[in-house]
Amino acid sequence: MTYKVIITNRAEEQLDNIIRYILVQFKNEEAAGSILSDVLEIYNKLEYIAGSAQLCSDPYLAAKGYYKIVLEKHNYLLLYRIHGDEVIVSGIFHMLENYREKL
């Protein structure tokens, strides 16, 4: 099944903030670009693999229908839900964040 990937405004803002932080705090364009590429790659993969992932291991988030996918090359993750043929990306978080509380 092919899914339509929808990125919420909040997830877009979170990604913008991550990229801006890397650029301003560390002045590292290469790292910022690498994270952005990794996220875009995950968006593309979600079109095909979203339904085959497992629900979040956090019982609260799992009960709400959230899936988690980790970036391949960076310590960030995306939380998303599936509604029919749509994948809705709700947030992008660093793996050390308390994303349950921030979602």
PDB file of N, CA and C in Angstrom:
ATOM      1  N   MET A   1       0.838  -1.184   0.000  1.00  0.00           N
ATOM      2  CA  MET A   1       0.000   0.000   0.000  1.00  0.00           C
ATOM      3  C   MET A   1       0.879   1.243   0.000  1.00  0.00           C
ATOM      4  N   THR A   2       0.467   2.221  -0.751  1.00  0.00           N
ATOM      5  CA  THR A   2       1.171   3.501  -0.777  1.00  0.00           C
ATOM      6  C   THR A   2       0.368   4.509   0.031  1.00  0.00           C
ATOM      7  N   TYR A   3       1.063   5.204   0.924  1.00  0.00           N
ATOM      8  CA  TYR A   3       0.431   6.188   1.787  1.00  0.00           C
ATOM      9  C   TYR A   3       0.733   7.600   1.304  1.00  0.00           C
ATOM     10  N   LYS A   4      -0.185   8.495   1.595  1.00  0.00           N
ATOM     11  CA  LYS A   4       0.055   9.920   1.383  1.00  0.00           C
ATOM     12  C   LYS A   4       0.608  10.464   2.691  1.00  0.00           C
ATOM     13  N   VAL A   5       1.796  11.054   2.661  1.00  0.00           N
ATOM     14  CA  VAL A   5       2.445  11.567   3.860  1.00  0.00           C
ATOM     15  C   VAL A   5       2.074  13.034   4.049  1.00  0.00           C
ATOM     16  N   ILE A   6       1.520  13.323   5.215  1.00  0.00           N
ATOM     17  CA  ILE A   6       1.122  14.685   5.564  1.00  0.00           C
ATOM     18  C   ILE A   6       1.973  15.131   6.751  1.00  0.00           C
ATOM     19  N   ILE A   7       2.617  16.255   6.602  1.00  0.00           N
ATOM     20  CA  ILE A   7       3.462  16.806   7.654  1.00  0.00           C
ATOM     21  C   ILE A   7       2.672  17.927   8.335  1.00  0.00           C
ATOM     22  N   THR A   8       2.442  17.800   9.633  1.00  0.00           N
ATOM     23  CA  THR A   8       1.708  18.846  10.337  1.00  0.00           C
ATOM     24  C   THR A   8       2.555  20.113  10.415  1.00  0.00           C
ATOM     25  N   ASN A   9       1.876  21.234  10.622  1.00  0.00           N
ATOM     26  CA  ASN A   9       2.593  22.497  10.790  1.00  0.00           C
ATOM     27  C   ASN A   9       3.562  22.418  11.962  1.00  0.00           C
ATOM     28  N   ARG A  10       3.135  21.748  13.013  1.00  0.00           N
ATOM     29  CA  ARG A  10       3.989  21.627  14.193  1.00  0.00           C
ATOM     30  C   ARG A  10       5.272  20.851  13.873  1.00  0.00           C
ATOM     31  N   ALA A  11       5.153  19.768  13.127  1.00  0.00           N
ATOM     32  CA  ALA A  11       6.327  18.987  12.745  1.00  0.00           C
ATOM     33  C   ALA A  11       7.247  19.816  11.852  1.00  0.00           C
ATOM     34  N   GLU A  12       6.675  20.599  10.951  1.00  0.00           N
ATOM     35  CA  GLU A  12       7.489  21.466  10.098  1.00  0.00           C
ATOM     36  C   GLU A  12       8.239  22.497  10.940  1.00  0.00           C
ATOM     37  N   GLU A  13       7.561  23.071  11.918  1.00  0.00           N
ATOM     38  CA  GLU A  13       8.203  24.048  12.799  1.00  0.00           C
ATOM     39  C   GLU A  13       9.320  23.397  13.617  1.00  0.00           C
ATOM     40  N   GLN A  14       9.079  22.188  14.090  1.00  0.00           N
ATOM     41  CA  GLN A  14      10.097  21.492  14.868  1.00  0.00           C
ATOM     42  C   GLN A  14      11.337  21.230  14.009  1.00  0.00           C
ATOM     43  N   LEU A  15      11.133  20.800  12.774  1.00  0.00           N
ATOM     44  CA  LEU A  15      12.263  20.564  11.884  1.00  0.00           C
ATOM     45  C   LEU A  15      13.006  21.874  11.617  1.00  0.00           C
ATOM     46  N   ASP A  16      12.269  22.934  11.356  1.00  0.00           N
ATOM     47  CA  ASP A  16      12.900  24.248  11.148  1.00  0.00           C
ATOM     48  C   ASP A  16      13.737  24.649  12.356  1.00  0.00           C
ATOM     49  N   ASN A  17      13.193  24.429  13.556  1.00  0.00           N
ATOM     50  CA  ASN A  17      13.917  24.785  14.779  1.00  0.00           C
ATOM     51  C   ASN A  17      15.181  23.954  14.955  1.00  0.00           C
ATOM     52  N   ILE A  18      15.113  22.685  14.621  1.00  0.00           N
ATOM     53  CA  ILE A  18      16.296  21.814  14.718  1.00  0.00           C
ATOM     54  C   ILE A  18      17.376  22.303  13.768  1.00  0.00           C
ATOM     55  N   ILE A  19      16.992  22.554  12.528  1.00  0.00           N
ATOM     56  CA  ILE A  19      17.958  23.005  11.517  1.00  0.00           C
ATOM     57  C   ILE A  19      18.543  24.360  11.912  1.00  0.00           C
ATOM     58  N   ARG A  20      17.692  25.268  12.351  1.00  0.00           N
ATOM     59  CA  ARG A  20      18.149  26.602  12.764  1.00  0.00           C
ATOM     60  C   ARG A  20      19.118  26.491  13.949  1.00  0.00           C
ATOM     61  N   TYR A  21      18.814  25.637  14.893  1.00  0.00           N
ATOM     62  CA  TYR A  21      19.669  25.449  16.058  1.00  0.00           C
ATOM     63  C   TYR A  21      21.063  24.979  15.637  1.00  0.00           C
ATOM     64  N   ILE A  22      21.118  24.010  14.744  1.00  0.00           N
ATOM     65  CA  ILE A  22      22.405  23.485  14.271  1.00  0.00           C
ATOM     66  C   ILE A  22      23.184  24.583  13.536  1.00  0.00           C
ATOM     67  N   LEU A  23      22.472  25.356  12.734  1.00  0.00           N
ATOM     68  CA  LEU A  23      23.140  26.418  11.971  1.00  0.00           C
ATOM     69  C   LEU A  23      23.636  27.551  12.861  1.00  0.00           C
ATOM     70  N   VAL A  24      22.832  27.982  13.805  1.00  0.00           N
ATOM     71  CA  VAL A  24      23.183  29.130  14.647  1.00  0.00           C
ATOM     72  C   VAL A  24      24.140  28.730  15.762  1.00  0.00           C
ATOM     73  N   GLN A  25      23.795  27.662  16.474  1.00  0.00           N
ATOM     74  CA  GLN A  25      24.580  27.283  17.645  1.00  0.00           C
ATOM     75  C   GLN A  25      25.945  26.703  17.259  1.00  0.00           C
ATOM     76  N   PHE A  26      25.951  25.876  16.217  1.00  0.00           N
ATOM     77  CA  PHE A  26      27.190  25.182  15.847  1.00  0.00           C
ATOM     78  C   PHE A  26      27.784  25.677  14.532  1.00  0.00           C
ATOM     79  N   LYS A  27      27.014  26.506  13.824  1.00  0.00           N
ATOM     80  CA  LYS A  27      27.460  27.036  12.533  1.00  0.00           C
ATOM     81  C   LYS A  27      27.947  25.912  11.609  1.00  0.00           C
ATOM     82  N   ASN A  28      27.154  24.857  11.559  1.00  0.00           N
ATOM     83  CA  ASN A  28      27.536  23.664  10.813  1.00  0.00           C
ATOM     84  C   ASN A  28      26.495  23.377   9.737  1.00  0.00           C
ATOM     85  N   GLU A  29      26.715  23.947   8.566  1.00  0.00           N
ATOM     86  CA  GLU A  29      25.789  23.763   7.451  1.00  0.00           C
ATOM     87  C   GLU A  29      25.732  22.308   6.992  1.00  0.00           C
ATOM     88  N   GLU A  30      26.860  21.633   7.035  1.00  0.00           N
ATOM     89  CA  GLU A  30      26.902  20.232   6.605  1.00  0.00           C
ATOM     90  C   GLU A  30      26.025  19.357   7.500  1.00  0.00           C
ATOM     91  N   ALA A  31      26.118  19.549   8.809  1.00  0.00           N
ATOM     92  CA  ALA A  31      25.297  18.763   9.742  1.00  0.00           C
ATOM     93  C   ALA A  31      23.817  19.076   9.562  1.00  0.00           C
ATOM     94  N   ALA A  32      23.491  20.353   9.409  1.00  0.00           N
ATOM     95  CA  ALA A  32      22.093  20.743   9.209  1.00  0.00           C
ATOM     96  C   ALA A  32      21.538  20.122   7.928  1.00  0.00           C
ATOM     97  N   GLY A  33      22.327  20.173   6.871  1.00  0.00           N
ATOM     98  CA  GLY A  33      21.909  19.579   5.601  1.00  0.00           C
ATOM     99  C   GLY A  33      21.756  18.072   5.690  1.00  0.00           C
ATOM    100  N   SER A  34      22.630  17.443   6.450  1.00  0.00           N
ATOM    101  CA  SER A  34      22.568  15.997   6.622  1.00  0.00           C
ATOM    102  C   SER A  34      21.305  15.578   7.375  1.00  0.00           C
ATOM    103  N   ILE A  35      20.957  16.320   8.414  1.00  0.00           N
ATOM    104  CA  ILE A  35      19.734  16.025   9.160  1.00  0.00           C
ATOM    105  C   ILE A  35      18.515  16.220   8.263  1.00  0.00           C
ATOM    106  N   LEU A  36      18.492  17.311   7.524  1.00  0.00           N
ATOM    107  CA  LEU A  36      17.379  17.572   6.618  1.00  0.00           C
ATOM    108  C   LEU A  36      17.247  16.451   5.593  1.00  0.00           C
ATOM    109  N   SER A  37      18.351  16.018   5.021  1.00  0.00           N
ATOM    110  CA  SER A  37      18.313  14.923   4.043  1.00  0.00           C
ATOM    111  C   SER A  37      17.777  13.642   4.663  1.00  0.00           C
ATOM    112  N   ASP A  38      18.209  13.368   5.889  1.00  0.00           N
ATOM    113  CA  ASP A  38      17.756  12.175   6.596  1.00  0.00           C
ATOM    114  C   ASP A  38      16.245  12.217   6.826  1.00  0.00           C
ATOM    115  N   VAL A  39      15.733  13.372   7.229  1.00  0.00           N
ATOM    116  CA  VAL A  39      14.295  13.517   7.454  1.00  0.00           C
ATOM    117  C   VAL A  39      13.528  13.345   6.147  1.00  0.00           C
ATOM    118  N   LEU A  40      13.994  13.969   5.082  1.00  0.00           N
ATOM    119  CA  LEU A  40      13.311  13.853   3.793  1.00  0.00           C
ATOM    120  C   LEU A  40      13.316  12.407   3.296  1.00  0.00           C
ATOM    121  N   GLU A  41      14.390  11.695   3.557  1.00  0.00           N
ATOM    122  CA  GLU A  41      14.459  10.282   3.185  1.00  0.00           C
ATOM    123  C   GLU A  41      13.411   9.468   3.947  1.00  0.00           C
ATOM    124  N   ILE A  42      13.246   9.764   5.232  1.00  0.00           N
ATOM    125  CA  ILE A  42      12.232   9.076   6.034  1.00  0.00           C
ATOM    126  C   ILE A  42      10.834   9.396   5.511  1.00  0.00           C
ATOM    127  N   TYR A  43      10.575  10.660   5.156  1.00  0.00           N
ATOM    128  CA  TYR A  43       9.275  11.019   4.594  1.00  0.00           C
ATOM    129  C   TYR A  43       8.982  10.157   3.371  1.00  0.00           C
ATOM    130  N   ASN A  44       9.968  10.003   2.496  1.00  0.00           N
ATOM    131  CA  ASN A  44       9.780   9.187   1.294  1.00  0.00           C
ATOM    132  C   ASN A  44       9.536   7.722   1.641  1.00  0.00           C
ATOM    133  N   LYS A  45      10.260   7.201   2.613  1.00  0.00           N
ATOM    134  CA  LYS A  45      10.085   5.803   3.009  1.00  0.00           C
ATOM    135  C   LYS A  45       8.719   5.553   3.635  1.00  0.00           C
ATOM    136  N   LEU A  46       8.213   6.544   4.365  1.00  0.00           N
ATOM    137  CA  LEU A  46       6.918   6.375   5.016  1.00  0.00           C
ATOM    138  C   LEU A  46       5.804   6.095   4.015  1.00  0.00           C
ATOM    139  N   GLU A  47       5.957   6.557   2.794  1.00  0.00           N
ATOM    140  CA  GLU A  47       4.953   6.288   1.772  1.00  0.00           C
ATOM    141  C   GLU A  47       4.728   4.788   1.609  1.00  0.00           C
ATOM    142  N   TYR A  48       5.756   4.007   1.879  1.00  0.00           N
ATOM    143  CA  TYR A  48       5.694   2.569   1.619  1.00  0.00           C
ATOM    144  C   TYR A  48       5.765   1.700   2.871  1.00  0.00           C
ATOM    145  N   ILE A  49       6.422   2.182   3.920  1.00  0.00           N
ATOM    146  CA  ILE A  49       6.663   1.307   5.077  1.00  0.00           C
ATOM    147  C   ILE A  49       5.883   1.694   6.329  1.00  0.00           C
ATOM    148  N   ALA A  50       5.109   2.748   6.278  1.00  0.00           N
ATOM    149  CA  ALA A  50       4.451   3.251   7.492  1.00  0.00           C
ATOM    150  C   ALA A  50       3.631   2.176   8.198  1.00  0.00           C
ATOM    151  N   GLY A  51       2.907   1.404   7.457  1.00  0.00           N
ATOM    152  CA  GLY A  51       2.037   0.400   8.059  1.00  0.00           C
ATOM    153  C   GLY A  51       2.753  -0.815   8.602  1.00  0.00           C
ATOM    154  N   SER A  52       3.993  -1.008   8.212  1.00  0.00           N
ATOM    155  CA  SER A  52       4.729  -2.184   8.676  1.00  0.00           C
ATOM    156  C   SER A  52       5.523  -1.922   9.954  1.00  0.00           C
ATOM    157  N   ALA A  53       5.556  -0.683  10.399  1.00  0.00           N
ATOM    158  CA  ALA A  53       6.276  -0.340  11.635  1.00  0.00           C
ATOM    159  C   ALA A  53       5.441  -0.754  12.845  1.00  0.00           C
ATOM    160  N   GLN A  54       6.100  -0.803  13.984  1.00  0.00           N
ATOM    161  CA  GLN A  54       5.407  -1.129  15.225  1.00  0.00           C
ATOM    162  C   GLN A  54       4.940   0.150  15.902  1.00  0.00           C
ATOM    163  N   LEU A  55       3.884   0.009  16.676  1.00  0.00           N
ATOM    164  CA  LEU A  55       3.431   1.141  17.479  1.00  0.00           C
ATOM    165  C   LEU A  55       4.522   1.522  18.473  1.00  0.00           C
ATOM    166  N   CYS A  56       4.449   2.750  18.979  1.00  0.00           N
ATOM    167  CA  CYS A  56       5.407   3.203  19.994  1.00  0.00           C
ATOM    168  C   CYS A  56       5.440   2.228  21.162  1.00  0.00           C
ATOM    169  N   SER A  57       6.588   2.108  21.773  1.00  0.00           N
ATOM    170  CA  SER A  57       6.712   1.245  22.945  1.00  0.00           C
ATOM    171  C   SER A  57       6.081   1.882  24.180  1.00  0.00           C
ATOM    172  N   ASP A  58       5.915   3.194  24.178  1.00  0.00           N
ATOM    173  CA  ASP A  58       5.252   3.889  25.271  1.00  0.00           C
ATOM    174  C   ASP A  58       3.754   3.540  25.215  1.00  0.00           C
ATOM    175  N   PRO A  59       3.211   2.943  26.266  1.00  0.00           N
ATOM    176  CA  PRO A  59       1.812   2.501  26.246  1.00  0.00           C
ATOM    177  C   PRO A  59       0.805   3.625  25.983  1.00  0.00           C
ATOM    178  N   TYR A  60       1.077   4.814  26.530  1.00  0.00           N
ATOM    179  CA  TYR A  60       0.178   5.938  26.323  1.00  0.00           C
ATOM    180  C   TYR A  60       0.131   6.328  24.842  1.00  0.00           C
ATOM    181  N   LEU A  61       1.313   6.474  24.234  1.00  0.00           N
ATOM    182  CA  LEU A  61       1.373   6.856  22.819  1.00  0.00           C
ATOM    183  C   LEU A  61       0.828   5.748  21.927  1.00  0.00           C
ATOM    184  N   ALA A  62       1.103   4.504  22.273  1.00  0.00           N
ATOM    185  CA  ALA A  62       0.579   3.374  21.497  1.00  0.00           C
ATOM    186  C   ALA A  62      -0.949   3.366  21.536  1.00  0.00           C
ATOM    187  N   ALA A  63      -1.509   3.642  22.699  1.00  0.00           N
ATOM    188  CA  ALA A  63      -2.965   3.676  22.829  1.00  0.00           C
ATOM    189  C   ALA A  63      -3.580   4.783  21.975  1.00  0.00           C
ATOM    190  N   LYS A  64      -2.808   5.830  21.733  1.00  0.00           N
ATOM    191  CA  LYS A  64      -3.267   6.940  20.882  1.00  0.00           C
ATOM    192  C   LYS A  64      -3.002   6.667  19.397  1.00  0.00           C
ATOM    193  N   GLY A  65      -2.369   5.516  19.101  1.00  0.00           N
ATOM    194  CA  GLY A  65      -2.124   5.142  17.715  1.00  0.00           C
ATOM    195  C   GLY A  65      -0.851   5.700  17.112  1.00  0.00           C
ATOM    196  N   TYR A  66       0.112   6.090  17.942  1.00  0.00           N
ATOM    197  CA  TYR A  66       1.349   6.670  17.427  1.00  0.00           C
ATOM    198  C   TYR A  66       2.386   5.600  17.109  1.00  0.00           C
ATOM    199  N   TYR A  67       3.014   5.797  15.980  1.00  0.00           N
ATOM    200  CA  TYR A  67       4.160   5.001  15.550  1.00  0.00           C
ATOM    201  C   TYR A  67       5.404   5.861  15.695  1.00  0.00           C
ATOM    202  N   LYS A  68       6.535   5.207  15.821  1.00  0.00           N
ATOM    203  CA  LYS A  68       7.805   5.923  15.947  1.00  0.00           C
ATOM    204  C   LYS A  68       8.766   5.362  14.909  1.00  0.00           C
ATOM    205  N   ILE A  69       9.465   6.259  14.246  1.00  0.00           N
ATOM    206  CA  ILE A  69      10.509   5.848  13.319  1.00  0.00           C
ATOM    207  C   ILE A  69      11.746   6.704  13.599  1.00  0.00           C
ATOM    208  N   VAL A  70      12.883   6.051  13.680  1.00  0.00           N
ATOM    209  CA  VAL A  70      14.136   6.716  14.036  1.00  0.00           C
ATOM    210  C   VAL A  70      14.903   7.046  12.754  1.00  0.00           C
ATOM    211  N   LEU A  71      15.492   8.250  12.727  1.00  0.00           N
ATOM    212  CA  LEU A  71      16.329   8.612  11.587  1.00  0.00           C
ATOM    213  C   LEU A  71      17.518   7.662  11.516  1.00  0.00           C
ATOM    214  N   GLU A  72      17.930   7.349  10.322  1.00  0.00           N
ATOM    215  CA  GLU A  72      18.997   6.374  10.136  1.00  0.00           C
ATOM    216  C   GLU A  72      20.356   6.871  10.608  1.00  0.00           C
ATOM    217  N   LYS A  73      20.632   8.161  10.419  1.00  0.00           N
ATOM    218  CA  LYS A  73      21.981   8.661  10.673  1.00  0.00           C
ATOM    219  C   LYS A  73      22.076   9.651  11.820  1.00  0.00           C
ATOM    220  N   HIS A  74      20.966   9.953  12.470  1.00  0.00           N
ATOM    221  CA  HIS A  74      20.970  10.983  13.510  1.00  0.00           C
ATOM    222  C   HIS A  74      20.095  10.555  14.675  1.00  0.00           C
ATOM    223  N   ASN A  75      20.262  11.218  15.798  1.00  0.00           N
ATOM    224  CA  ASN A  75      19.539  10.865  17.019  1.00  0.00           C
ATOM    225  C   ASN A  75      18.206  11.599  17.124  1.00  0.00           C
ATOM    226  N   TYR A  76      17.443  11.522  16.072  1.00  0.00           N
ATOM    227  CA  TYR A  76      16.115  12.117  16.041  1.00  0.00           C
ATOM    228  C   TYR A  76      15.110  11.052  15.632  1.00  0.00           C
ATOM    229  N   LEU A  77      13.852  11.300  15.988  1.00  0.00           N
ATOM    230  CA  LEU A  77      12.791  10.371  15.627  1.00  0.00           C
ATOM    231  C   LEU A  77      11.556  11.147  15.222  1.00  0.00           C
ATOM    232  N   LEU A  78      10.704  10.477  14.471  1.00  0.00           N
ATOM    233  CA  LEU A  78       9.435  11.048  14.051  1.00  0.00           C
ATOM    234  C   LEU A  78       8.320  10.237  14.680  1.00  0.00           C
ATOM    235  N   LEU A  79       7.285  10.924  15.132  1.00  0.00           N
ATOM    236  CA  LEU A  79       6.076  10.266  15.606  1.00  0.00           C
ATOM    237  C   LEU A  79       4.988  10.531  14.586  1.00  0.00           C
ATOM    238  N   TYR A  80       4.255   9.480  14.249  1.00  0.00           N
ATOM    239  CA  TYR A  80       3.198   9.624  13.256  1.00  0.00           C
ATOM    240  C   TYR A  80       2.040   8.696  13.567  1.00  0.00           C
ATOM    241  N   ARG A  81       0.916   8.999  12.937  1.00  0.00           N
ATOM    242  CA  ARG A  81      -0.267   8.143  13.023  1.00  0.00           C
ATOM    243  C   ARG A  81      -0.732   7.830  11.611  1.00  0.00           C
ATOM    244  N   ILE A  82      -1.469   6.765  11.499  1.00  0.00           N
ATOM    245  CA  ILE A  82      -2.006   6.346  10.205  1.00  0.00           C
ATOM    246  C   ILE A  82      -3.524   6.461  10.258  1.00  0.00           C
ATOM    247  N   HIS A  83      -4.075   7.144   9.266  1.00  0.00           N
ATOM    248  CA  HIS A  83      -5.524   7.257   9.104  1.00  0.00           C
ATOM    249  C   HIS A  83      -5.853   6.851   7.680  1.00  0.00           C
ATOM    250  N   GLY A  84      -6.337   5.636   7.521  1.00  0.00           N
ATOM    251  CA  GLY A  84      -6.647   5.139   6.187  1.00  0.00           C
ATOM    252  C   GLY A  84      -5.391   5.051   5.350  1.00  0.00           C
ATOM    253  N   ASP A  85      -5.350   5.817   4.265  1.00  0.00           N
ATOM    254  CA  ASP A  85      -4.170   5.803   3.393  1.00  0.00           C
ATOM    255  C   ASP A  85      -3.272   7.014   3.628  1.00  0.00           C
ATOM    256  N   GLU A  86      -3.461   7.692   4.761  1.00  0.00           N
ATOM    257  CA  GLU A  86      -2.646   8.862   5.086  1.00  0.00           C
ATOM    258  C   GLU A  86      -1.763   8.602   6.295  1.00  0.00           C
ATOM    259  N   VAL A  87      -0.542   9.077   6.206  1.00  0.00           N
ATOM    260  CA  VAL A  87       0.394   9.066   7.322  1.00  0.00           C
ATOM    261  C   VAL A  87       0.542  10.514   7.757  1.00  0.00           C
ATOM    262  N   ILE A  88       0.226  10.772   9.023  1.00  0.00           N
ATOM    263  CA  ILE A  88       0.293  12.135   9.532  1.00  0.00           C
ATOM    264  C   ILE A  88       1.452  12.232  10.508  1.00  0.00           C
ATOM    265  N   VAL A  89       2.498  12.944  10.082  1.00  0.00           N
ATOM    266  CA  VAL A  89       3.677  13.143  10.929  1.00  0.00           C
ATOM    267  C   VAL A  89       3.342  14.248  11.921  1.00  0.00           C
ATOM    268  N   SER A  90       3.332  13.877  13.209  1.00  0.00           N
ATOM    269  CA  SER A  90       2.910  14.799  14.263  1.00  0.00           C
ATOM    270  C   SER A  90       4.058  15.544  14.919  1.00  0.00           C
ATOM    271  N   GLY A  91       5.267  14.955  14.900  1.00  0.00           N
ATOM    272  CA  GLY A  91       6.373  15.616  15.569  1.00  0.00           C
ATOM    273  C   GLY A  91       7.719  15.013  15.234  1.00  0.00           C
ATOM    274  N   ILE A  92       8.750  15.830  15.389  1.00  0.00           N
ATOM    275  CA  ILE A  92      10.139  15.417  15.201  1.00  0.00           C
ATOM    276  C   ILE A  92      10.874  15.799  16.477  1.00  0.00           C
ATOM    277  N   PHE A  93      11.530  14.816  17.100  1.00  0.00           N
ATOM    278  CA  PHE A  93      12.137  15.033  18.401  1.00  0.00           C
ATOM    279  C   PHE A  93      13.529  14.425  18.468  1.00  0.00           C
ATOM    280  N   HIS A  94      14.364  15.004  19.318  1.00  0.00           N
ATOM    281  CA  HIS A  94      15.632  14.366  19.639  1.00  0.00           C
ATOM    282  C   HIS A  94      15.308  13.160  20.504  1.00  0.00           C
ATOM    283  N   MET A  95      16.073  12.103  20.370  1.00  0.00           N
ATOM    284  CA  MET A  95      15.787  10.868  21.078  1.00  0.00           C
ATOM    285  C   MET A  95      15.846  11.021  22.596  1.00  0.00           C
ATOM    286  N   LEU A  96      16.569  12.014  23.101  1.00  0.00           N
ATOM    287  CA  LEU A  96      16.680  12.213  24.540  1.00  0.00           C
ATOM    288  C   LEU A  96      15.551  13.080  25.109  1.00  0.00           C
ATOM    289  N   GLU A  97      14.740  13.675  24.250  1.00  0.00           N
ATOM    290  CA  GLU A  97      13.630  14.504  24.703  1.00  0.00           C
ATOM    291  C   GLU A  97      12.522  13.645  25.288  1.00  0.00           C
ATOM    292  N   ASN A  98      11.739  14.242  26.147  1.00  0.00           N
ATOM    293  CA  ASN A  98      10.540  13.584  26.644  1.00  0.00           C
ATOM    294  C   ASN A  98       9.422  13.903  25.642  1.00  0.00           C
ATOM    295  N   TYR A  99       9.424  13.206  24.524  1.00  0.00           N
ATOM    296  CA  TYR A  99       8.497  13.532  23.445  1.00  0.00           C
ATOM    297  C   TYR A  99       7.054  13.237  23.809  1.00  0.00           C
ATOM    298  N   ARG A 100       6.831  12.338  24.736  1.00  0.00           N
ATOM    299  CA  ARG A 100       5.454  12.080  25.178  1.00  0.00           C
ATOM    300  C   ARG A 100       4.856  13.350  25.768  1.00  0.00           C
ATOM    301  N   GLU A 101       5.630  14.053  26.571  1.00  0.00           N
ATOM    302  CA  GLU A 101       5.146  15.275  27.211  1.00  0.00           C
ATOM    303  C   GLU A 101       5.042  16.441  26.219  1.00  0.00           C
ATOM    304  N   LYS A 102       5.869  16.421  25.181  1.00  0.00           N
ATOM    305  CA  LYS A 102       5.901  17.525  24.230  1.00  0.00           C
ATOM    306  C   LYS A 102       4.937  17.345  23.056  1.00  0.00           C
ATOM    307  N   LEU A 103       4.400  16.151  22.931  1.00  0.00           N
ATOM    308  CA  LEU A 103       3.484  15.879  21.824  1.00  0.00           C
ATOM    309  C   LEU A 103       2.162  16.508  22.146  1.00  0.00           C
TER     310      LEU A 103
END
